[in-house]
């Protein structure tokens, strides 16, 4: 029997779920979110906007008073809008592997010792 350690939204208190229980929770709570996330991982616009955001955060950490230029802001907004359109088109249902990646759950029994 395959056990999944998932402690997120909708999980039972111990965090140990069978594959069937895990899929039921995911289908009930995250069906659409997972499909959109899965699509965004393949969309070039989403990859670019994620990279731009990461670079901006690094700049903000480096220089505490970093202020984004209007040109950069417009580029980012444009890229994010493209991403939004891309990731909402023709989404496909997530499978077990996709749900594991999306939720951060792991195969195996949860380690309850702290």
PDB file of N, CA and C in Angstrom:
ATOM      1  N   UNK A   1       0.842  -1.178   0.000  1.00  0.00           N
ATOM      2  CA  UNK A   1       0.000   0.000   0.000  1.00  0.00           C
ATOM      3  C   UNK A   1       0.892   1.249   0.000  1.00  0.00           C
ATOM      4  N   UNK A   2       0.570   2.208  -0.845  1.00  0.00           N
ATOM      5  CA  UNK A   2       1.341   3.445  -0.965  1.00  0.00           C
ATOM      6  C   UNK A   2       0.773   4.490  -0.007  1.00  0.00           C
ATOM      7  N   UNK A   3       1.647   5.063   0.823  1.00  0.00           N
ATOM      8  CA  UNK A   3       1.228   6.134   1.715  1.00  0.00           C
ATOM      9  C   UNK A   3       1.828   7.452   1.238  1.00  0.00           C
ATOM     10  N   UNK A   4       1.076   8.518   1.447  1.00  0.00           N
ATOM     11  CA  UNK A   4       1.484   9.860   1.073  1.00  0.00           C
ATOM     12  C   UNK A   4       1.482  10.721   2.328  1.00  0.00           C
ATOM     13  N   UNK A   5       2.555  11.472   2.528  1.00  0.00           N
ATOM     14  CA  UNK A   5       2.631  12.411   3.641  1.00  0.00           C
ATOM     15  C   UNK A   5       2.205  13.776   3.122  1.00  0.00           C
ATOM     16  N   UNK A   6       1.006  14.182   3.507  1.00  0.00           N
ATOM     17  CA  UNK A   6       0.458  15.479   3.091  1.00  0.00           C
ATOM     18  C   UNK A   6      -0.189  16.133   4.301  1.00  0.00           C
ATOM     19  N   UNK A   7       0.275  17.331   4.645  1.00  0.00           N
ATOM     20  CA  UNK A   7      -0.242  18.016   5.837  1.00  0.00           C
ATOM     21  C   UNK A   7      -0.914  19.340   5.499  1.00  0.00           C
ATOM     22  N   UNK A   8      -1.207  19.563   4.224  1.00  0.00           N
ATOM     23  CA  UNK A   8      -1.802  20.831   3.792  1.00  0.00           C
ATOM     24  C   UNK A   8      -3.305  20.891   4.020  1.00  0.00           C
ATOM     25  N   UNK A   9      -3.942  21.757   3.276  1.00  0.00           N
ATOM     26  CA  UNK A   9      -5.379  21.991   3.380  1.00  0.00           C
ATOM     27  C   UNK A   9      -6.169  20.709   3.121  1.00  0.00           C
ATOM     28  N   UNK A  10      -7.084  20.382   4.021  1.00  0.00           N
ATOM     29  CA  UNK A  10      -7.943  19.213   3.861  1.00  0.00           C
ATOM     30  C   UNK A  10      -7.334  17.916   4.347  1.00  0.00           C
ATOM     31  N   UNK A  11      -6.105  17.956   4.863  1.00  0.00           N
ATOM     32  CA  UNK A  11      -5.422  16.742   5.308  1.00  0.00           C
ATOM     33  C   UNK A  11      -5.941  16.281   6.659  1.00  0.00           C
ATOM     34  N   UNK A  12      -5.814  14.977   6.905  1.00  0.00           N
ATOM     35  CA  UNK A  12      -6.142  14.469   8.236  1.00  0.00           C
ATOM     36  C   UNK A  12      -5.001  14.840   9.178  1.00  0.00           C
ATOM     37  N   UNK A  13      -5.255  14.782  10.472  1.00  0.00           N
ATOM     38  CA  UNK A  13      -4.315  15.295  11.457  1.00  0.00           C
ATOM     39  C   UNK A  13      -2.948  14.602  11.414  1.00  0.00           C
ATOM     40  N   UNK A  14      -2.915  13.304  11.214  1.00  0.00           N
ATOM     41  CA  UNK A  14      -1.637  12.584  11.193  1.00  0.00           C
ATOM     42  C   UNK A  14      -0.823  12.911   9.943  1.00  0.00           C
ATOM     43  N   UNK A  15      -1.502  13.284   8.865  1.00  0.00           N
ATOM     44  CA  UNK A  15      -0.829  13.607   7.611  1.00  0.00           C
ATOM     45  C   UNK A  15      -0.607  12.406   6.707  1.00  0.00           C
ATOM     46  N   UNK A  16      -0.862  11.208   7.204  1.00  0.00           N
ATOM     47  CA  UNK A  16      -0.672   9.979   6.429  1.00  0.00           C
ATOM     48  C   UNK A  16      -1.948   9.641   5.664  1.00  0.00           C
ATOM     49  N   UNK A  17      -1.825   9.580   4.347  1.00  0.00           N
ATOM     50  CA  UNK A  17      -2.970   9.305   3.482  1.00  0.00           C
ATOM     51  C   UNK A  17      -2.639   8.166   2.535  1.00  0.00           C
ATOM     52  N   UNK A  18      -3.670   7.430   2.145  1.00  0.00           N
ATOM     53  CA  UNK A  18      -3.482   6.469   1.073  1.00  0.00           C
ATOM     54  C   UNK A  18      -3.509   7.262  -0.228  1.00  0.00           C
ATOM     55  N   UNK A  19      -3.096   6.633  -1.299  1.00  0.00           N
ATOM     56  CA  UNK A  19      -3.092   7.308  -2.597  1.00  0.00           C
ATOM     57  C   UNK A  19      -4.502   7.770  -2.961  1.00  0.00           C
ATOM     58  N   UNK A  20      -5.489   6.919  -2.697  1.00  0.00           N
ATOM     59  CA  UNK A  20      -6.887   7.229  -3.025  1.00  0.00           C
ATOM     60  C   UNK A  20      -7.386   8.427  -2.206  1.00  0.00           C
ATOM     61  N   UNK A  21      -7.078   8.453  -0.915  1.00  0.00           N
ATOM     62  CA  UNK A  21      -7.496   9.569  -0.054  1.00  0.00           C
ATOM     63  C   UNK A  21      -6.858  10.879  -0.529  1.00  0.00           C
ATOM     64  N   UNK A  22      -5.571  10.800  -0.851  1.00  0.00           N
ATOM     65  CA  UNK A  22      -4.839  11.987  -1.309  1.00  0.00           C
ATOM     66  C   UNK A  22      -5.452  12.533  -2.596  1.00  0.00           C
ATOM     67  N   UNK A  23      -5.720  11.650  -3.556  1.00  0.00           N
ATOM     68  CA  UNK A  23      -6.307  12.083  -4.825  1.00  0.00           C
ATOM     69  C   UNK A  23      -7.697  12.676  -4.623  1.00  0.00           C
ATOM     70  N   UNK A  24      -8.468  12.124  -3.701  1.00  0.00           N
ATOM     71  CA  UNK A  24      -9.805  12.652  -3.403  1.00  0.00           C
ATOM     72  C   UNK A  24      -9.707  14.080  -2.868  1.00  0.00           C
ATOM     73  N   UNK A  25      -8.776  14.309  -1.942  1.00  0.00           N
ATOM     74  CA  UNK A  25      -8.580  15.650  -1.366  1.00  0.00           C
ATOM     75  C   UNK A  25      -8.150  16.631  -2.455  1.00  0.00           C
ATOM     76  N   UNK A  26      -7.185  16.225  -3.255  1.00  0.00           N
ATOM     77  CA  UNK A  26      -6.669  17.096  -4.308  1.00  0.00           C
ATOM     78  C   UNK A  26      -7.741  17.422  -5.343  1.00  0.00           C
ATOM     79  N   UNK A  27      -8.512  16.425  -5.764  1.00  0.00           N
ATOM     80  CA  UNK A  27      -9.570  16.667  -6.740  1.00  0.00           C
ATOM     81  C   UNK A  27     -10.636  17.608  -6.176  1.00  0.00           C
ATOM     82  N   UNK A  28     -10.899  17.474  -4.896  1.00  0.00           N
ATOM     83  CA  UNK A  28     -11.931  18.297  -4.261  1.00  0.00           C
ATOM     84  C   UNK A  28     -11.478  19.756  -4.100  1.00  0.00           C
ATOM     85  N   UNK A  29     -10.224  19.954  -3.693  1.00  0.00           N
ATOM     86  CA  UNK A  29      -9.771  21.299  -3.328  1.00  0.00           C
ATOM     87  C   UNK A  29      -8.880  21.997  -4.358  1.00  0.00           C
ATOM     88  N   UNK A  30      -8.130  21.249  -5.141  1.00  0.00           N
ATOM     89  CA  UNK A  30      -7.098  21.871  -5.973  1.00  0.00           C
ATOM     90  C   UNK A  30      -7.128  21.474  -7.437  1.00  0.00           C
ATOM     91  N   UNK A  31      -8.232  20.975  -7.913  1.00  0.00           N
ATOM     92  CA  UNK A  31      -8.316  20.484  -9.291  1.00  0.00           C
ATOM     93  C   UNK A  31      -7.913  21.561 -10.302  1.00  0.00           C
ATOM     94  N   UNK A  32      -8.537  22.712 -10.221  1.00  0.00           N
ATOM     95  CA  UNK A  32      -8.282  23.779 -11.191  1.00  0.00           C
ATOM     96  C   UNK A  32      -6.936  24.461 -10.944  1.00  0.00           C
ATOM     97  N   UNK A  33      -6.599  24.699  -9.681  1.00  0.00           N
ATOM     98  CA  UNK A  33      -5.339  25.365  -9.345  1.00  0.00           C
ATOM     99  C   UNK A  33      -4.143  24.561  -9.832  1.00  0.00           C
ATOM    100  N   UNK A  34      -4.205  23.251  -9.667  1.00  0.00           N
ATOM    101  CA  UNK A  34      -3.107  22.389 -10.097  1.00  0.00           C
ATOM    102  C   UNK A  34      -2.965  22.417 -11.616  1.00  0.00           C
ATOM    103  N   UNK A  35      -4.082  22.375 -12.323  1.00  0.00           N
ATOM    104  CA  UNK A  35      -4.049  22.398 -13.789  1.00  0.00           C
ATOM    105  C   UNK A  35      -3.432  23.695 -14.304  1.00  0.00           C
ATOM    106  N   UNK A  36      -3.780  24.808 -13.677  1.00  0.00           N
ATOM    107  CA  UNK A  36      -3.224  26.111 -14.070  1.00  0.00           C
ATOM    108  C   UNK A  36      -1.730  26.164 -13.746  1.00  0.00           C
ATOM    109  N   UNK A  37      -1.357  25.659 -12.576  1.00  0.00           N
ATOM    110  CA  UNK A  37       0.056  25.625 -12.180  1.00  0.00           C
ATOM    111  C   UNK A  37       0.867  24.776 -13.153  1.00  0.00           C
ATOM    112  N   UNK A  38       0.322  23.637 -13.509  1.00  0.00           N
ATOM    113  CA  UNK A  38       0.998  22.723 -14.439  1.00  0.00           C
ATOM    114  C   UNK A  38       1.229  23.406 -15.784  1.00  0.00           C
ATOM    115  N   UNK A  39       0.229  24.120 -16.259  1.00  0.00           N
ATOM    116  CA  UNK A  39       0.329  24.829 -17.535  1.00  0.00           C
ATOM    117  C   UNK A  39       1.352  25.959 -17.443  1.00  0.00           C
ATOM    118  N   UNK A  40       1.389  26.659 -16.315  1.00  0.00           N
ATOM    119  CA  UNK A  40       2.314  27.789 -16.159  1.00  0.00           C
ATOM    120  C   UNK A  40       3.781  27.346 -16.165  1.00  0.00           C
ATOM    121  N   UNK A  41       4.046  26.101 -15.782  1.00  0.00           N
ATOM    122  CA  UNK A  41       5.417  25.598 -15.777  1.00  0.00           C
ATOM    123  C   UNK A  41       5.964  25.422 -17.192  1.00  0.00           C
ATOM    124  N   UNK A  42       5.069  25.271 -18.172  1.00  0.00           N
ATOM    125  CA  UNK A  42       5.479  25.067 -19.557  1.00  0.00           C
ATOM    126  C   UNK A  42       5.378  26.336 -20.397  1.00  0.00           C
ATOM    127  N   UNK A  43       4.695  27.335 -19.913  1.00  0.00           N
ATOM    128  CA  UNK A  43       4.445  28.577 -20.661  1.00  0.00           C
ATOM    129  C   UNK A  43       5.687  29.487 -20.614  1.00  0.00           C
ATOM    130  N   UNK A  44       6.183  29.891 -21.778  1.00  0.00           N
ATOM    131  CA  UNK A  44       7.381  30.744 -21.848  1.00  0.00           C
ATOM    132  C   UNK A  44       7.158  32.103 -21.187  1.00  0.00           C
ATOM    133  N   UNK A  45       5.968  32.674 -21.360  1.00  0.00           N
ATOM    134  CA  UNK A  45       5.676  33.975 -20.743  1.00  0.00           C
ATOM    135  C   UNK A  45       5.746  33.884 -19.224  1.00  0.00           C
ATOM    136  N   UNK A  46       5.263  32.786 -18.684  1.00  0.00           N
ATOM    137  CA  UNK A  46       5.290  32.610 -17.231  1.00  0.00           C
ATOM    138  C   UNK A  46       6.713  32.407 -16.727  1.00  0.00           C
ATOM    139  N   UNK A  47       7.508  31.678 -17.497  1.00  0.00           N
ATOM    140  CA  UNK A  47       8.913  31.486 -17.123  1.00  0.00           C
ATOM    141  C   UNK A  47       9.644  32.823 -17.093  1.00  0.00           C
ATOM    142  N   UNK A  48       9.392  33.668 -18.109  1.00  0.00           N
ATOM    143  CA  UNK A  48      10.057  34.974 -18.178  1.00  0.00           C
ATOM    144  C   UNK A  48       9.612  35.884 -17.036  1.00  0.00           C
ATOM    145  N   UNK A  49       8.309  35.910 -16.748  1.00  0.00           N
ATOM    146  CA  UNK A  49       7.827  36.791 -15.676  1.00  0.00           C
ATOM    147  C   UNK A  49       8.348  36.323 -14.319  1.00  0.00           C
ATOM    148  N   UNK A  50       8.472  35.009 -14.137  1.00  0.00           N
ATOM    149  CA  UNK A  50       9.021  34.485 -12.883  1.00  0.00           C
ATOM    150  C   UNK A  50      10.480  34.901 -12.732  1.00  0.00           C
ATOM    151  N   UNK A  51      11.236  34.822 -13.833  1.00  0.00           N
ATOM    152  CA  UNK A  51      12.645  35.215 -13.811  1.00  0.00           C
ATOM    153  C   UNK A  51      12.782  36.711 -13.520  1.00  0.00           C
ATOM    154  N   UNK A  52      11.907  37.523 -14.148  1.00  0.00           N
ATOM    155  CA  UNK A  52      11.941  38.969 -13.900  1.00  0.00           C
ATOM    156  C   UNK A  52      11.645  39.274 -12.434  1.00  0.00           C
ATOM    157  N   UNK A  53      10.647  38.606 -11.880  1.00  0.00           N
ATOM    158  CA  UNK A  53      10.294  38.817 -10.475  1.00  0.00           C
ATOM    159  C   UNK A  53      11.442  38.433  -9.545  1.00  0.00           C
ATOM    160  N   UNK A  54      12.084  37.314  -9.841  1.00  0.00           N
ATOM    161  CA  UNK A  54      13.215  36.862  -9.034  1.00  0.00           C
ATOM    162  C   UNK A  54      14.344  37.881  -9.063  1.00  0.00           C
ATOM    163  N   UNK A  55      14.655  38.397 -10.239  1.00  0.00           N
ATOM    164  CA  UNK A  55      15.710  39.401 -10.363  1.00  0.00           C
ATOM    165  C   UNK A  55      15.372  40.678  -9.607  1.00  0.00           C
ATOM    166  N   UNK A  56      14.112  41.085  -9.667  1.00  0.00           N
ATOM    167  CA  UNK A  56      13.698  42.292  -8.949  1.00  0.00           C
ATOM    168  C   UNK A  56      13.811  42.110  -7.437  1.00  0.00           C
ATOM    169  N   UNK A  57      13.426  40.948  -6.963  1.00  0.00           N
ATOM    170  CA  UNK A  57      13.529  40.684  -5.527  1.00  0.00           C
ATOM    171  C   UNK A  57      14.991  40.702  -5.098  1.00  0.00           C
ATOM    172  N   UNK A  58      15.873  40.111  -5.910  1.00  0.00           N
ATOM    173  CA  UNK A  58      17.305  40.123  -5.589  1.00  0.00           C
ATOM    174  C   UNK A  58      17.831  41.551  -5.512  1.00  0.00           C
ATOM    175  N   UNK A  59      17.392  42.407  -6.452  1.00  0.00           N
ATOM    176  CA  UNK A  59      17.823  43.813  -6.439  1.00  0.00           C
ATOM    177  C   UNK A  59      17.316  44.525  -5.195  1.00  0.00           C
ATOM    178  N   UNK A  60      16.066  44.223  -4.802  1.00  0.00           N
ATOM    179  CA  UNK A  60      15.492  44.863  -3.622  1.00  0.00           C
ATOM    180  C   UNK A  60      16.221  44.435  -2.355  1.00  0.00           C
ATOM    181  N   UNK A  61      16.668  43.196  -2.326  1.00  0.00           N
ATOM    182  CA  UNK A  61      17.413  42.720  -1.159  1.00  0.00           C
ATOM    183  C   UNK A  61      18.787  43.371  -1.105  1.00  0.00           C
ATOM    184  N   UNK A  62      19.426  43.469  -2.266  1.00  0.00           N
ATOM    185  CA  UNK A  62      20.766  44.062  -2.351  1.00  0.00           C
ATOM    186  C   UNK A  62      20.753  45.535  -1.952  1.00  0.00           C
ATOM    187  N   UNK A  63      19.857  46.291  -2.577  1.00  0.00           N
ATOM    188  CA  UNK A  63      19.760  47.716  -2.273  1.00  0.00           C
ATOM    189  C   UNK A  63      18.399  47.972  -1.644  1.00  0.00           C
ATOM    190  N   UNK A  64      18.405  48.361  -0.409  1.00  0.00           N
ATOM    191  CA  UNK A  64      17.157  48.496   0.349  1.00  0.00           C
ATOM    192  C   UNK A  64      16.195  49.524  -0.230  1.00  0.00           C
ATOM    193  N   UNK A  65      16.712  50.534  -0.887  1.00  0.00           N
ATOM    194  CA  UNK A  65      15.861  51.599  -1.422  1.00  0.00           C
ATOM    195  C   UNK A  65      15.654  51.470  -2.930  1.00  0.00           C
ATOM    196  N   UNK A  66      15.670  50.250  -3.434  1.00  0.00           N
ATOM    197  CA  UNK A  66      15.507  50.044  -4.880  1.00  0.00           C
ATOM    198  C   UNK A  66      14.097  50.419  -5.310  1.00  0.00           C
ATOM    199  N   UNK A  67      14.008  51.230  -6.348  1.00  0.00           N
ATOM    200  CA  UNK A  67      12.707  51.617  -6.893  1.00  0.00           C
ATOM    201  C   UNK A  67      12.698  51.215  -8.364  1.00  0.00           C
ATOM    202  N   UNK A  68      11.690  50.468  -8.752  1.00  0.00           N
ATOM    203  CA  UNK A  68      11.576  49.975 -10.117  1.00  0.00           C
ATOM    204  C   UNK A  68      11.240  51.128 -11.063  1.00  0.00           C
ATOM    205  N   UNK A  69      11.901  51.141 -12.221  1.00  0.00           N
ATOM    206  CA  UNK A  69      11.612  52.188 -13.205  1.00  0.00           C
ATOM    207  C   UNK A  69      10.263  51.906 -13.873  1.00  0.00           C
ATOM    208  N   UNK A  70       9.692  52.939 -14.432  1.00  0.00           N
ATOM    209  CA  UNK A  70       8.391  52.802 -15.095  1.00  0.00           C
ATOM    210  C   UNK A  70       8.481  51.820 -16.274  1.00  0.00           C
ATOM    211  N   UNK A  71       9.589  51.886 -16.999  1.00  0.00           N
ATOM    212  CA  UNK A  71       9.803  51.000 -18.149  1.00  0.00           C
ATOM    213  C   UNK A  71       9.840  49.535 -17.698  1.00  0.00           C
ATOM    214  N   UNK A  72      10.582  49.260 -16.643  1.00  0.00           N
ATOM    215  CA  UNK A  72      10.674  47.904 -16.110  1.00  0.00           C
ATOM    216  C   UNK A  72       9.322  47.426 -15.593  1.00  0.00           C
ATOM    217  N   UNK A  73       8.622  48.318 -14.929  1.00  0.00           N
ATOM    218  CA  UNK A  73       7.291  47.986 -14.408  1.00  0.00           C
ATOM    219  C   UNK A  73       6.339  47.627 -15.540  1.00  0.00           C
ATOM    220  N   UNK A  74       6.370  48.402 -16.625  1.00  0.00           N
ATOM    221  CA  UNK A  74       5.499  48.127 -17.771  1.00  0.00           C
ATOM    222  C   UNK A  74       5.840  46.785 -18.423  1.00  0.00           C
ATOM    223  N   UNK A  75       7.145  46.479 -18.527  1.00  0.00           N
ATOM    224  CA  UNK A  75       7.571  45.186 -19.082  1.00  0.00           C
ATOM    225  C   UNK A  75       7.042  44.034 -18.238  1.00  0.00           C
ATOM    226  N   UNK A  76       7.172  44.189 -16.931  1.00  0.00           N
ATOM    227  CA  UNK A  76       6.730  43.143 -16.013  1.00  0.00           C
ATOM    228  C   UNK A  76       5.220  42.931 -16.108  1.00  0.00           C
ATOM    229  N   UNK A  77       4.474  44.012 -16.123  1.00  0.00           N
ATOM    230  CA  UNK A  77       3.015  43.922 -16.217  1.00  0.00           C
ATOM    231  C   UNK A  77       2.602  43.256 -17.523  1.00  0.00           C
ATOM    232  N   UNK A  78       3.254  43.640 -18.607  1.00  0.00           N
ATOM    233  CA  UNK A  78       2.962  43.060 -19.920  1.00  0.00           C
ATOM    234  C   UNK A  78       3.235  41.554 -19.916  1.00  0.00           C
ATOM    235  N   UNK A  79       4.368  41.170 -19.345  1.00  0.00           N
ATOM    236  CA  UNK A  79       4.740  39.755 -19.288  1.00  0.00           C
ATOM    237  C   UNK A  79       3.771  38.965 -18.415  1.00  0.00           C
ATOM    238  N   UNK A  80       3.347  39.545 -17.308  1.00  0.00           N
ATOM    239  CA  UNK A  80       2.414  38.876 -16.406  1.00  0.00           C
ATOM    240  C   UNK A  80       1.048  38.699 -17.063  1.00  0.00           C
ATOM    241  N   UNK A  81       0.621  39.674 -17.854  1.00  0.00           N
ATOM    242  CA  UNK A  81      -0.651  39.551 -18.564  1.00  0.00           C
ATOM    243  C   UNK A  81      -0.588  38.439 -19.614  1.00  0.00           C
ATOM    244  N   UNK A  82       0.548  38.347 -20.310  1.00  0.00           N
ATOM    245  CA  UNK A  82       0.736  37.258 -21.281  1.00  0.00           C
ATOM    246  C   UNK A  82       0.685  35.907 -20.574  1.00  0.00           C
ATOM    247  N   UNK A  83       1.321  35.844 -19.421  1.00  0.00           N
ATOM    248  CA  UNK A  83       1.343  34.608 -18.633  1.00  0.00           C
ATOM    249  C   UNK A  83      -0.072  34.212 -18.209  1.00  0.00           C
ATOM    250  N   UNK A  84      -0.830  35.186 -17.770  1.00  0.00           N
ATOM    251  CA  UNK A  84      -2.196  34.931 -17.314  1.00  0.00           C
ATOM    252  C   UNK A  84      -3.032  34.328 -18.437  1.00  0.00           C
ATOM    253  N   UNK A  85      -2.891  34.878 -19.647  1.00  0.00           N
ATOM    254  CA  UNK A  85      -3.629  34.356 -20.802  1.00  0.00           C
ATOM    255  C   UNK A  85      -3.173  32.947 -21.145  1.00  0.00           C
ATOM    256  N   UNK A  86      -1.874  32.743 -21.151  1.00  0.00           N
ATOM    257  CA  UNK A  86      -1.280  31.463 -21.536  1.00  0.00           C
ATOM    258  C   UNK A  86      -1.685  30.334 -20.593  1.00  0.00           C
ATOM    259  N   UNK A  87      -1.557  30.564 -19.293  1.00  0.00           N
ATOM    260  CA  UNK A  87      -1.775  29.474 -18.346  1.00  0.00           C
ATOM    261  C   UNK A  87      -3.246  29.105 -18.165  1.00  0.00           C
ATOM    262  N   UNK A  88      -4.150  29.946 -18.598  1.00  0.00           N
ATOM    263  CA  UNK A  88      -5.573  29.632 -18.474  1.00  0.00           C
ATOM    264  C   UNK A  88      -6.160  28.990 -19.731  1.00  0.00           C
ATOM    265  N   UNK A  89      -5.343  28.852 -20.781  1.00  0.00           N
ATOM    266  CA  UNK A  89      -5.817  28.240 -22.020  1.00  0.00           C
ATOM    267  C   UNK A  89      -5.580  26.735 -21.998  1.00  0.00           C
ATOM    268  N   UNK A  90      -6.540  25.989 -22.435  1.00  0.00           N
ATOM    269  CA  UNK A  90      -6.426  24.541 -22.653  1.00  0.00           C
ATOM    270  C   UNK A  90      -5.685  23.808 -21.535  1.00  0.00           C
ATOM    271  N   UNK A  91      -6.152  23.949 -20.333  1.00  0.00           N
ATOM    272  CA  UNK A  91      -5.535  23.234 -19.217  1.00  0.00           C
ATOM    273  C   UNK A  91      -5.981  21.773 -19.244  1.00  0.00           C
ATOM    274  N   UNK A  92      -5.119  20.907 -18.741  1.00  0.00           N
ATOM    275  CA  UNK A  92      -5.411  19.485 -18.682  1.00  0.00           C
ATOM    276  C   UNK A  92      -5.459  19.044 -17.233  1.00  0.00           C
ATOM    277  N   UNK A  93      -6.257  18.025 -16.965  1.00  0.00           N
ATOM    278  CA  UNK A  93      -6.430  17.514 -15.618  1.00  0.00           C
ATOM    279  C   UNK A  93      -5.101  17.000 -15.068  1.00  0.00           C
ATOM    280  N   UNK A  94      -4.859  17.247 -13.807  1.00  0.00           N
ATOM    281  CA  UNK A  94      -3.638  16.782 -13.154  1.00  0.00           C
ATOM    282  C   UNK A  94      -3.743  15.304 -12.783  1.00  0.00           C
ATOM    283  N   UNK A  95      -2.610  14.624 -12.815  1.00  0.00           N
ATOM    284  CA  UNK A  95      -2.565  13.237 -12.372  1.00  0.00           C
ATOM    285  C   UNK A  95      -1.875  13.185 -11.003  1.00  0.00           C
ATOM    286  N   UNK A  96      -1.671  11.991 -10.508  1.00  0.00           N
ATOM    287  CA  UNK A  96      -1.088  11.786  -9.182  1.00  0.00           C
ATOM    288  C   UNK A  96       0.271  12.484  -9.045  1.00  0.00           C
ATOM    289  N   UNK A  97       1.143  12.311 -10.028  1.00  0.00           N
ATOM    290  CA  UNK A  97       2.487  12.908 -10.002  1.00  0.00           C
ATOM    291  C   UNK A  97       2.412  14.440  -9.975  1.00  0.00           C
ATOM    292  N   UNK A  98       1.491  15.008 -10.770  1.00  0.00           N
ATOM    293  CA  UNK A  98       1.315  16.464 -10.796  1.00  0.00           C
ATOM    294  C   UNK A  98       0.843  16.987  -9.446  1.00  0.00           C
ATOM    295  N   UNK A  99      -0.088  16.265  -8.818  1.00  0.00           N
ATOM    296  CA  UNK A  99      -0.596  16.681  -7.505  1.00  0.00           C
ATOM    297  C   UNK A  99       0.514  16.639  -6.448  1.00  0.00           C
ATOM    298  N   UNK A 100       1.372  15.629  -6.515  1.00  0.00           N
ATOM    299  CA  UNK A 100       2.489  15.555  -5.564  1.00  0.00           C
ATOM    300  C   UNK A 100       3.385  16.784  -5.698  1.00  0.00           C
ATOM    301  N   UNK A 101       3.716  17.119  -6.932  1.00  0.00           N
ATOM    302  CA  UNK A 101       4.594  18.271  -7.195  1.00  0.00           C
ATOM    303  C   UNK A 101       3.920  19.577  -6.767  1.00  0.00           C
ATOM    304  N   UNK A 102       2.649  19.722  -7.098  1.00  0.00           N
ATOM    305  CA  UNK A 102       1.915  20.951  -6.786  1.00  0.00           C
ATOM    306  C   UNK A 102       1.776  21.159  -5.273  1.00  0.00           C
ATOM    307  N   UNK A 103       1.414  20.104  -4.553  1.00  0.00           N
ATOM    308  CA  UNK A 103       1.098  20.232  -3.132  1.00  0.00           C
ATOM    309  C   UNK A 103       2.332  20.178  -2.228  1.00  0.00           C
ATOM    310  N   UNK A 104       3.424  19.629  -2.749  1.00  0.00           N
ATOM    311  CA  UNK A 104       4.608  19.475  -1.917  1.00  0.00           C
ATOM    312  C   UNK A 104       4.550  18.231  -1.053  1.00  0.00           C
ATOM    313  N   UNK A 105       3.586  17.372  -1.301  1.00  0.00           N
ATOM    314  CA  UNK A 105       3.455  16.126  -0.550  1.00  0.00           C
ATOM    315  C   UNK A 105       4.571  15.174  -0.954  1.00  0.00           C
ATOM    316  N   UNK A 106       4.826  14.199  -0.099  1.00  0.00           N
ATOM    317  CA  UNK A 106       5.884  13.229  -0.361  1.00  0.00           C
ATOM    318  C   UNK A 106       5.357  11.816  -0.194  1.00  0.00           C
ATOM    319  N   UNK A 107       5.964  10.901  -0.943  1.00  0.00           N
ATOM    320  CA  UNK A 107       5.618   9.484  -0.784  1.00  0.00           C
ATOM    321  C   UNK A 107       6.206   8.996   0.528  1.00  0.00           C
ATOM    322  N   UNK A 108       5.470   8.129   1.189  1.00  0.00           N
ATOM    323  CA  UNK A 108       5.948   7.553   2.445  1.00  0.00           C
ATOM    324  C   UNK A 108       5.153   8.082   3.626  1.00  0.00           C
ATOM    325  N   UNK A 109       5.427   7.491   4.787  1.00  0.00           N
ATOM    326  CA  UNK A 109       4.731   7.859   6.019  1.00  0.00           C
ATOM    327  C   UNK A 109       5.385   9.106   6.604  1.00  0.00           C
ATOM    328  N   UNK A 110       4.561   9.976   7.185  1.00  0.00           N
ATOM    329  CA  UNK A 110       5.072  11.212   7.782  1.00  0.00           C
ATOM    330  C   UNK A 110       5.940  10.912   9.000  1.00  0.00           C
ATOM    331  N   UNK A 111       6.991  11.676   9.153  1.00  0.00           N
ATOM    332  CA  UNK A 111       7.869  11.560  10.304  1.00  0.00           C
ATOM    333  C   UNK A 111       7.274  12.410  11.421  1.00  0.00           C
ATOM    334  N   UNK A 112       6.704  11.779  12.449  1.00  0.00           N
ATOM    335  CA  UNK A 112       6.017  12.514  13.501  1.00  0.00           C
ATOM    336  C   UNK A 112       6.923  12.864  14.672  1.00  0.00           C
ATOM    337  N   UNK A 113       8.125  12.312  14.716  1.00  0.00           N
ATOM    338  CA  UNK A 113       9.032  12.619  15.828  1.00  0.00           C
ATOM    339  C   UNK A 113       9.684  13.989  15.601  1.00  0.00           C
ATOM    340  N   UNK A 114       9.701  14.794  16.648  1.00  0.00           N
ATOM    341  CA  UNK A 114      10.289  16.149  16.556  1.00  0.00           C
ATOM    342  C   UNK A 114      11.404  16.315  17.520  1.00  0.00           C
TER     343      UNK A 114
END
